[in-house]
Amino acid sequence: MKRFYVASLFLLAWFPGETAVNGATYGQEVVAAVLIAEARGEGEKGMMAVAEVIRRRADLKGVSMLSVVEPGTFTSLNGTDRDALLEKYRKHPSFPAALRIARRAYNRPETLANLTRGATHFAHKKMTPWWARGKDPVVTIGNHTFYKLARL
């Protein structure tokens, strides 16, 4: 028991601002909530694609995935904050699957399928946001079109 406690303290010190809850970090839970909010109608493949975009942005910026999912960075976070989004989706039937995907993206990103071909952005396929004008999409998955942009 003492080893587990010391290891837990080490992990909490290693990932500042995140605390373990039911075996998942706060960051993993928030990312899971974003996956549901952005792609719940697309099933696990759609949520995996969004997770790949979040992971890619985190890698390019050299930050954690939690740092990437801030208010204003994704449509689901417009007008709300991470805690409210997590509270809204924590009991959603897709939350366990979304959490599994978030944990994988956090802990084993090399196992992601690269469905999005390195995309950094996505939008509903019927919309063209200002940042996508004149850009060619790399792939369309379900109702989302994915783009690989030079600037984040």
N, C-alpha and C. Protein backbone atom coordinates (compact mmCIF):
# COMPACT_ATOMS: atom_id res chain seq x y z
N MET A 1 0.83 -1.19 0.00
CA MET A 1 0.00 0.00 0.00
C MET A 1 0.87 1.25 0.00
N LYS A 2 1.96 1.21 0.76
CA LYS A 2 2.83 2.37 0.84
C LYS A 2 3.46 2.68 -0.52
N ARG A 3 3.87 1.66 -1.26
CA ARG A 3 4.45 1.87 -2.59
C ARG A 3 3.44 2.55 -3.52
N PHE A 4 2.19 2.08 -3.49
CA PHE A 4 1.15 2.67 -4.34
C PHE A 4 0.97 4.15 -3.99
N TYR A 5 0.95 4.46 -2.71
CA TYR A 5 0.77 5.84 -2.28
C TYR A 5 1.92 6.72 -2.78
N VAL A 6 3.13 6.23 -2.63
CA VAL A 6 4.30 6.99 -3.08
C VAL A 6 4.26 7.15 -4.60
N ALA A 7 3.92 6.08 -5.31
CA ALA A 7 3.82 6.15 -6.78
C ALA A 7 2.74 7.14 -7.19
N SER A 8 1.62 7.15 -6.47
CA SER A 8 0.54 8.09 -6.79
C SER A 8 0.99 9.53 -6.58
N LEU A 9 1.71 9.76 -5.50
CA LEU A 9 2.22 11.11 -5.25
C LEU A 9 3.20 11.52 -6.34
N PHE A 10 4.03 10.59 -6.79
CA PHE A 10 4.97 10.88 -7.86
C PHE A 10 4.22 11.26 -9.13
N LEU A 11 3.19 10.48 -9.48
CA LEU A 11 2.43 10.78 -10.70
C LEU A 11 1.72 12.11 -10.61
N LEU A 12 1.18 12.44 -9.45
CA LEU A 12 0.50 13.72 -9.29
C LEU A 12 1.48 14.87 -9.38
N ALA A 13 2.71 14.66 -8.88
CA ALA A 13 3.72 15.70 -9.00
C ALA A 13 4.19 15.83 -10.45
N TRP A 14 4.21 14.72 -11.17
CA TRP A 14 4.69 14.73 -12.54
C TRP A 14 3.70 15.44 -13.48
N PHE A 15 2.40 15.30 -13.20
CA PHE A 15 1.38 15.94 -14.02
C PHE A 15 0.67 17.00 -13.18
N PRO A 16 1.27 18.17 -13.02
CA PRO A 16 0.69 19.19 -12.17
C PRO A 16 -0.69 19.61 -12.65
N GLY A 17 -1.55 19.88 -11.68
CA GLY A 17 -2.89 20.33 -12.00
C GLY A 17 -3.86 19.21 -12.29
N GLU A 18 -3.39 17.99 -12.25
CA GLU A 18 -4.26 16.86 -12.53
C GLU A 18 -4.29 15.94 -11.31
N THR A 19 -5.46 15.51 -10.93
CA THR A 19 -5.59 14.58 -9.83
C THR A 19 -6.30 13.33 -10.29
N ALA A 20 -5.89 12.21 -9.74
CA ALA A 20 -6.47 10.94 -10.14
C ALA A 20 -7.88 10.80 -9.58
N VAL A 21 -8.81 10.41 -10.42
CA VAL A 21 -10.19 10.16 -10.04
C VAL A 21 -10.60 8.84 -10.67
N ASN A 22 -10.95 7.87 -9.85
CA ASN A 22 -11.38 6.56 -10.36
C ASN A 22 -10.40 6.00 -11.38
N GLY A 23 -9.11 6.16 -11.15
CA GLY A 23 -8.12 5.62 -12.05
C GLY A 23 -7.82 6.48 -13.26
N ALA A 24 -8.56 7.54 -13.45
CA ALA A 24 -8.33 8.44 -14.59
C ALA A 24 -7.92 9.80 -14.05
N THR A 25 -7.10 10.49 -14.79
CA THR A 25 -6.73 11.84 -14.38
C THR A 25 -7.84 12.80 -14.78
N TYR A 26 -7.80 13.96 -14.17
CA TYR A 26 -8.75 15.02 -14.51
C TYR A 26 -8.63 15.33 -16.01
N GLY A 27 -7.42 15.41 -16.52
CA GLY A 27 -7.21 15.70 -17.93
C GLY A 27 -7.84 14.66 -18.83
N GLN A 28 -7.69 13.40 -18.49
CA GLN A 28 -8.29 12.33 -19.29
C GLN A 28 -9.81 12.45 -19.28
N GLU A 29 -10.38 12.77 -18.12
CA GLU A 29 -11.83 12.91 -18.03
C GLU A 29 -12.32 14.11 -18.84
N VAL A 30 -11.60 15.21 -18.78
CA VAL A 30 -12.00 16.40 -19.55
C VAL A 30 -11.92 16.11 -21.04
N VAL A 31 -10.85 15.47 -21.47
CA VAL A 31 -10.71 15.12 -22.89
C VAL A 31 -11.85 14.18 -23.29
N ALA A 32 -12.20 13.24 -22.45
CA ALA A 32 -13.32 12.34 -22.75
C ALA A 32 -14.61 13.13 -22.92
N ALA A 33 -14.84 14.11 -22.08
CA ALA A 33 -16.04 14.95 -22.20
C ALA A 33 -16.03 15.72 -23.52
N VAL A 34 -14.87 16.22 -23.93
CA VAL A 34 -14.76 16.93 -25.21
C VAL A 34 -15.03 15.97 -26.36
N LEU A 35 -14.53 14.75 -26.27
CA LEU A 35 -14.77 13.76 -27.33
C LEU A 35 -16.27 13.52 -27.50
N ILE A 36 -16.97 13.38 -26.39
CA ILE A 36 -18.42 13.16 -26.46
C ILE A 36 -19.11 14.39 -27.02
N ALA A 37 -18.74 15.55 -26.53
CA ALA A 37 -19.39 16.79 -26.96
C ALA A 37 -19.18 17.04 -28.46
N GLU A 38 -18.00 16.72 -28.96
CA GLU A 38 -17.68 17.00 -30.36
C GLU A 38 -18.12 15.89 -31.31
N ALA A 39 -18.14 14.63 -30.86
CA ALA A 39 -18.34 13.53 -31.81
C ALA A 39 -19.20 12.39 -31.29
N ARG A 40 -20.05 12.63 -30.33
CA ARG A 40 -20.84 11.52 -29.78
C ARG A 40 -21.70 10.83 -30.84
N GLY A 41 -22.17 11.57 -31.84
CA GLY A 41 -22.99 10.98 -32.89
C GLY A 41 -22.18 10.19 -33.91
N GLU A 42 -20.87 10.27 -33.81
CA GLU A 42 -19.99 9.59 -34.78
C GLU A 42 -19.47 8.26 -34.26
N GLY A 43 -19.82 7.90 -33.05
CA GLY A 43 -19.35 6.65 -32.48
C GLY A 43 -17.88 6.71 -32.08
N GLU A 44 -17.33 5.55 -31.79
CA GLU A 44 -15.95 5.49 -31.31
C GLU A 44 -14.94 5.95 -32.37
N LYS A 45 -15.21 5.67 -33.63
CA LYS A 45 -14.29 6.10 -34.68
C LYS A 45 -14.21 7.63 -34.73
N GLY A 46 -15.34 8.29 -34.63
CA GLY A 46 -15.36 9.75 -34.63
C GLY A 46 -14.68 10.33 -33.41
N MET A 47 -14.92 9.71 -32.25
CA MET A 47 -14.27 10.19 -31.03
C MET A 47 -12.76 9.96 -31.10
N MET A 48 -12.34 8.85 -31.69
CA MET A 48 -10.91 8.58 -31.85
C MET A 48 -10.28 9.63 -32.75
N ALA A 49 -10.97 10.02 -33.80
CA ALA A 49 -10.45 11.03 -34.72
C ALA A 49 -10.26 12.37 -34.00
N VAL A 50 -11.22 12.75 -33.19
CA VAL A 50 -11.09 14.01 -32.43
C VAL A 50 -9.94 13.88 -31.43
N ALA A 51 -9.79 12.73 -30.80
CA ALA A 51 -8.68 12.52 -29.87
C ALA A 51 -7.34 12.66 -30.58
N GLU A 52 -7.26 12.18 -31.80
CA GLU A 52 -6.02 12.31 -32.57
C GLU A 52 -5.68 13.78 -32.82
N VAL A 53 -6.69 14.60 -33.10
CA VAL A 53 -6.46 16.03 -33.32
C VAL A 53 -5.96 16.68 -32.03
N ILE A 54 -6.59 16.36 -30.91
CA ILE A 54 -6.16 16.92 -29.63
C ILE A 54 -4.72 16.50 -29.33
N ARG A 55 -4.42 15.22 -29.52
CA ARG A 55 -3.06 14.72 -29.27
C ARG A 55 -2.05 15.41 -30.18
N ARG A 56 -2.40 15.55 -31.44
CA ARG A 56 -1.49 16.19 -32.41
C ARG A 56 -1.20 17.63 -32.00
N ARG A 57 -2.23 18.36 -31.61
CA ARG A 57 -2.02 19.75 -31.18
C ARG A 57 -1.12 19.80 -29.95
N ALA A 58 -1.36 18.89 -29.01
CA ALA A 58 -0.54 18.85 -27.79
C ALA A 58 0.91 18.57 -28.13
N ASP A 59 1.13 17.62 -29.01
CA ASP A 59 2.50 17.28 -29.40
C ASP A 59 3.19 18.45 -30.10
N LEU A 60 2.49 19.10 -31.01
CA LEU A 60 3.08 20.22 -31.74
C LEU A 60 3.41 21.41 -30.84
N LYS A 61 2.57 21.61 -29.83
CA LYS A 61 2.79 22.72 -28.90
C LYS A 61 3.69 22.35 -27.74
N GLY A 62 3.93 21.05 -27.55
CA GLY A 62 4.76 20.60 -26.44
C GLY A 62 4.07 20.76 -25.09
N VAL A 63 2.74 20.55 -25.08
CA VAL A 63 1.97 20.69 -23.85
C VAL A 63 1.11 19.44 -23.64
N SER A 64 0.42 19.39 -22.52
CA SER A 64 -0.45 18.25 -22.25
C SER A 64 -1.74 18.39 -23.06
N MET A 65 -2.44 17.30 -23.19
CA MET A 65 -3.72 17.33 -23.89
C MET A 65 -4.72 18.22 -23.15
N LEU A 66 -4.64 18.24 -21.83
CA LEU A 66 -5.53 19.11 -21.05
C LEU A 66 -5.31 20.57 -21.42
N SER A 67 -4.07 20.96 -21.65
CA SER A 67 -3.77 22.34 -22.02
C SER A 67 -4.39 22.72 -23.36
N VAL A 68 -4.60 21.75 -24.21
CA VAL A 68 -5.16 22.01 -25.55
C VAL A 68 -6.66 22.25 -25.48
N VAL A 69 -7.34 21.61 -24.55
CA VAL A 69 -8.80 21.73 -24.48
C VAL A 69 -9.20 22.83 -23.50
N GLU A 70 -8.98 24.04 -23.93
CA GLU A 70 -9.33 25.22 -23.14
C GLU A 70 -10.56 25.87 -23.76
N PRO A 71 -11.29 26.65 -22.97
CA PRO A 71 -12.44 27.37 -23.55
C PRO A 71 -12.04 28.15 -24.80
N GLY A 72 -12.85 28.00 -25.83
CA GLY A 72 -12.62 28.69 -27.09
C GLY A 72 -11.84 27.89 -28.11
N THR A 73 -11.23 26.76 -27.71
CA THR A 73 -10.42 25.99 -28.66
C THR A 73 -11.26 24.99 -29.46
N PHE A 74 -12.37 24.58 -28.92
CA PHE A 74 -13.29 23.68 -29.60
C PHE A 74 -14.70 24.22 -29.42
N THR A 75 -15.55 23.95 -30.38
CA THR A 75 -16.92 24.47 -30.33
C THR A 75 -17.61 24.09 -29.03
N SER A 76 -17.39 22.88 -28.56
CA SER A 76 -18.05 22.42 -27.34
C SER A 76 -17.64 23.23 -26.11
N LEU A 77 -16.55 23.96 -26.19
CA LEU A 77 -16.09 24.76 -25.05
C LEU A 77 -16.41 26.25 -25.21
N ASN A 78 -17.15 26.59 -26.25
CA ASN A 78 -17.58 27.99 -26.39
C ASN A 78 -18.68 28.27 -25.38
N GLY A 79 -18.49 29.28 -24.57
CA GLY A 79 -19.49 29.68 -23.59
C GLY A 79 -19.56 28.80 -22.36
N THR A 80 -18.58 27.95 -22.16
CA THR A 80 -18.56 27.10 -20.97
C THR A 80 -17.11 26.85 -20.58
N ASP A 81 -16.92 26.13 -19.50
CA ASP A 81 -15.55 25.77 -19.10
C ASP A 81 -15.43 24.26 -19.00
N ARG A 82 -14.23 23.80 -18.76
CA ARG A 82 -13.96 22.36 -18.75
C ARG A 82 -14.75 21.64 -17.68
N ASP A 83 -14.84 22.25 -16.49
CA ASP A 83 -15.56 21.59 -15.39
C ASP A 83 -17.03 21.41 -15.71
N ALA A 84 -17.65 22.43 -16.28
CA ALA A 84 -19.07 22.34 -16.63
C ALA A 84 -19.29 21.29 -17.72
N LEU A 85 -18.39 21.24 -18.69
CA LEU A 85 -18.50 20.25 -19.75
C LEU A 85 -18.35 18.84 -19.19
N LEU A 86 -17.40 18.67 -18.29
CA LEU A 86 -17.20 17.36 -17.66
C LEU A 86 -18.43 16.96 -16.85
N GLU A 87 -18.98 17.88 -16.11
CA GLU A 87 -20.18 17.59 -15.31
C GLU A 87 -21.34 17.19 -16.23
N LYS A 88 -21.46 17.85 -17.35
CA LYS A 88 -22.55 17.57 -18.29
C LYS A 88 -22.44 16.17 -18.90
N TYR A 89 -21.22 15.72 -19.21
CA TYR A 89 -21.06 14.47 -19.95
C TYR A 89 -20.53 13.29 -19.13
N ARG A 90 -20.18 13.49 -17.89
CA ARG A 90 -19.61 12.40 -17.08
C ARG A 90 -20.55 11.19 -16.98
N LYS A 91 -21.84 11.43 -16.98
CA LYS A 91 -22.81 10.33 -16.84
C LYS A 91 -23.40 9.90 -18.19
N HIS A 92 -22.87 10.43 -19.28
CA HIS A 92 -23.35 10.07 -20.62
C HIS A 92 -23.02 8.60 -20.88
N PRO A 93 -23.90 7.87 -21.56
CA PRO A 93 -23.64 6.45 -21.83
C PRO A 93 -22.34 6.19 -22.59
N SER A 94 -21.87 7.15 -23.36
CA SER A 94 -20.62 6.97 -24.12
C SER A 94 -19.38 7.35 -23.33
N PHE A 95 -19.55 7.81 -22.09
CA PHE A 95 -18.39 8.27 -21.34
C PHE A 95 -17.34 7.18 -21.12
N PRO A 96 -17.71 5.95 -20.77
CA PRO A 96 -16.67 4.91 -20.61
C PRO A 96 -15.84 4.70 -21.88
N ALA A 97 -16.49 4.67 -23.04
CA ALA A 97 -15.75 4.49 -24.30
C ALA A 97 -14.87 5.71 -24.57
N ALA A 98 -15.41 6.91 -24.34
CA ALA A 98 -14.64 8.14 -24.56
C ALA A 98 -13.45 8.19 -23.61
N LEU A 99 -13.63 7.76 -22.38
CA LEU A 99 -12.53 7.76 -21.41
C LEU A 99 -11.46 6.75 -21.82
N ARG A 100 -11.87 5.62 -22.33
CA ARG A 100 -10.91 4.62 -22.83
C ARG A 100 -10.07 5.22 -23.96
N ILE A 101 -10.71 5.94 -24.86
CA ILE A 101 -10.00 6.58 -25.98
C ILE A 101 -9.08 7.67 -25.46
N ALA A 102 -9.55 8.48 -24.52
CA ALA A 102 -8.73 9.56 -23.95
C ALA A 102 -7.50 8.99 -23.25
N ARG A 103 -7.68 7.93 -22.48
CA ARG A 103 -6.54 7.30 -21.80
C ARG A 103 -5.52 6.79 -22.81
N ARG A 104 -6.01 6.19 -23.88
CA ARG A 104 -5.11 5.68 -24.92
C ARG A 104 -4.33 6.83 -25.56
N ALA A 105 -5.02 7.90 -25.87
CA ALA A 105 -4.37 9.06 -26.48
C ALA A 105 -3.34 9.67 -25.54
N TYR A 106 -3.62 9.68 -24.25
CA TYR A 106 -2.69 10.20 -23.25
C TYR A 106 -1.49 9.28 -23.07
N ASN A 107 -1.77 8.00 -22.86
CA ASN A 107 -0.74 7.06 -22.41
C ASN A 107 -0.05 6.26 -23.50
N ARG A 108 -0.75 6.02 -24.61
CA ARG A 108 -0.17 5.22 -25.69
C ARG A 108 -0.49 5.83 -27.05
N PRO A 109 -0.09 7.07 -27.26
CA PRO A 109 -0.45 7.74 -28.52
C PRO A 109 0.08 7.03 -29.76
N GLU A 110 1.15 6.28 -29.60
CA GLU A 110 1.70 5.57 -30.75
C GLU A 110 0.76 4.48 -31.25
N THR A 111 -0.23 4.09 -30.45
CA THR A 111 -1.17 3.06 -30.86
C THR A 111 -2.40 3.64 -31.57
N LEU A 112 -2.48 4.95 -31.68
CA LEU A 112 -3.61 5.56 -32.40
C LEU A 112 -3.48 5.22 -33.88
N ALA A 113 -4.61 5.07 -34.54
CA ALA A 113 -4.63 4.58 -35.92
C ALA A 113 -4.26 5.62 -36.97
N ASN A 114 -4.10 6.88 -36.60
CA ASN A 114 -3.84 7.97 -37.54
C ASN A 114 -4.95 8.06 -38.59
N LEU A 115 -6.17 7.97 -38.13
CA LEU A 115 -7.34 8.09 -39.00
C LEU A 115 -7.37 9.45 -39.68
N THR A 116 -6.84 10.46 -38.99
CA THR A 116 -6.93 11.84 -39.47
C THR A 116 -5.71 12.29 -40.27
N ARG A 117 -4.76 11.40 -40.46
CA ARG A 117 -3.55 11.69 -41.25
C ARG A 117 -2.82 12.95 -40.76
N GLY A 118 -2.71 13.06 -39.45
CA GLY A 118 -1.96 14.18 -38.87
C GLY A 118 -2.73 15.48 -38.80
N ALA A 119 -4.05 15.42 -38.89
CA ALA A 119 -4.86 16.64 -38.87
C ALA A 119 -4.72 17.40 -37.56
N THR A 120 -4.83 18.70 -37.67
CA THR A 120 -4.76 19.58 -36.50
C THR A 120 -6.08 20.28 -36.22
N HIS A 121 -7.01 20.21 -37.17
CA HIS A 121 -8.30 20.88 -37.03
C HIS A 121 -9.40 20.03 -37.67
N PHE A 122 -10.63 20.31 -37.29
CA PHE A 122 -11.77 19.65 -37.91
C PHE A 122 -12.97 20.57 -37.82
N ALA A 123 -13.93 20.30 -38.69
CA ALA A 123 -15.17 21.07 -38.71
C ALA A 123 -16.27 20.18 -39.26
N HIS A 124 -17.51 20.56 -39.03
CA HIS A 124 -18.62 19.83 -39.62
C HIS A 124 -18.48 19.92 -41.13
N LYS A 125 -18.74 18.82 -41.80
CA LYS A 125 -18.49 18.77 -43.24
C LYS A 125 -19.36 19.73 -44.05
N LYS A 126 -20.44 20.22 -43.48
CA LYS A 126 -21.30 21.18 -44.19
C LYS A 126 -20.89 22.62 -43.94
N MET A 127 -19.85 22.81 -43.16
CA MET A 127 -19.40 24.16 -42.83
C MET A 127 -17.96 24.36 -43.27
N THR A 128 -17.63 25.60 -43.59
CA THR A 128 -16.25 25.95 -43.89
C THR A 128 -15.88 27.14 -43.01
N PRO A 129 -15.23 26.87 -41.87
CA PRO A 129 -14.83 27.97 -40.98
C PRO A 129 -13.80 28.86 -41.67
N TRP A 130 -13.62 30.05 -41.14
CA TRP A 130 -12.68 31.01 -41.73
C TRP A 130 -11.29 30.41 -41.88
N TRP A 131 -10.86 29.61 -40.90
CA TRP A 131 -9.51 29.07 -40.93
C TRP A 131 -9.33 27.96 -41.98
N ALA A 132 -10.44 27.43 -42.53
CA ALA A 132 -10.35 26.36 -43.51
C ALA A 132 -10.51 26.85 -44.95
N ARG A 133 -10.83 28.13 -45.11
CA ARG A 133 -11.03 28.65 -46.48
C ARG A 133 -9.75 28.52 -47.29
N GLY A 134 -9.89 27.92 -48.46
CA GLY A 134 -8.74 27.73 -49.35
C GLY A 134 -7.85 26.56 -48.99
N LYS A 135 -8.21 25.83 -47.96
CA LYS A 135 -7.41 24.67 -47.53
C LYS A 135 -8.08 23.38 -48.00
N ASP A 136 -7.27 22.43 -48.38
CA ASP A 136 -7.79 21.12 -48.77
C ASP A 136 -7.88 20.22 -47.55
N PRO A 137 -9.02 19.58 -47.35
CA PRO A 137 -9.12 18.64 -46.23
C PRO A 137 -8.27 17.40 -46.48
N VAL A 138 -7.81 16.78 -45.40
CA VAL A 138 -7.03 15.55 -45.55
C VAL A 138 -7.92 14.31 -45.52
N VAL A 139 -9.05 14.41 -44.85
CA VAL A 139 -9.96 13.26 -44.76
C VAL A 139 -11.31 13.73 -44.21
N THR A 140 -12.35 13.00 -44.55
CA THR A 140 -13.67 13.21 -43.96
C THR A 140 -14.04 11.92 -43.25
N ILE A 141 -14.43 12.06 -41.99
CA ILE A 141 -14.84 10.91 -41.18
C ILE A 141 -16.21 11.25 -40.62
N GLY A 142 -17.21 10.49 -41.01
CA GLY A 142 -18.56 10.78 -40.57
C GLY A 142 -18.97 12.17 -41.02
N ASN A 143 -19.40 12.98 -40.08
CA ASN A 143 -19.84 14.34 -40.38
C ASN A 143 -18.76 15.38 -40.20
N HIS A 144 -17.51 14.96 -40.01
CA HIS A 144 -16.42 15.91 -39.79
C HIS A 144 -15.39 15.84 -40.91
N THR A 145 -14.92 17.00 -41.30
CA THR A 145 -13.83 17.13 -42.26
C THR A 145 -12.60 17.56 -41.49
N PHE A 146 -11.48 16.92 -41.76
CA PHE A 146 -10.25 17.16 -41.02
C PHE A 146 -9.22 17.85 -41.90
N TYR A 147 -8.50 18.79 -41.28
CA TYR A 147 -7.51 19.60 -41.99
C TYR A 147 -6.18 19.55 -41.26
N LYS A 148 -5.11 19.60 -42.01
CA LYS A 148 -3.77 19.69 -41.43
C LYS A 148 -3.26 21.09 -41.76
N LEU A 149 -3.26 21.96 -40.77
CA LEU A 149 -2.86 23.34 -40.97
C LEU A 149 -1.46 23.58 -40.43
N ALA A 150 -0.73 24.45 -41.10
CA ALA A 150 0.64 24.75 -40.69
C ALA A 150 0.67 25.49 -39.36
N ARG A 151 -0.31 26.34 -39.12
CA ARG A 151 -0.36 27.11 -37.87
C ARG A 151 -1.47 26.60 -36.98
N LEU A 152 -1.20 26.59 -35.68
CA LEU A 152 -2.23 26.18 -34.73
C LEU A 152 -2.98 27.36 -34.18
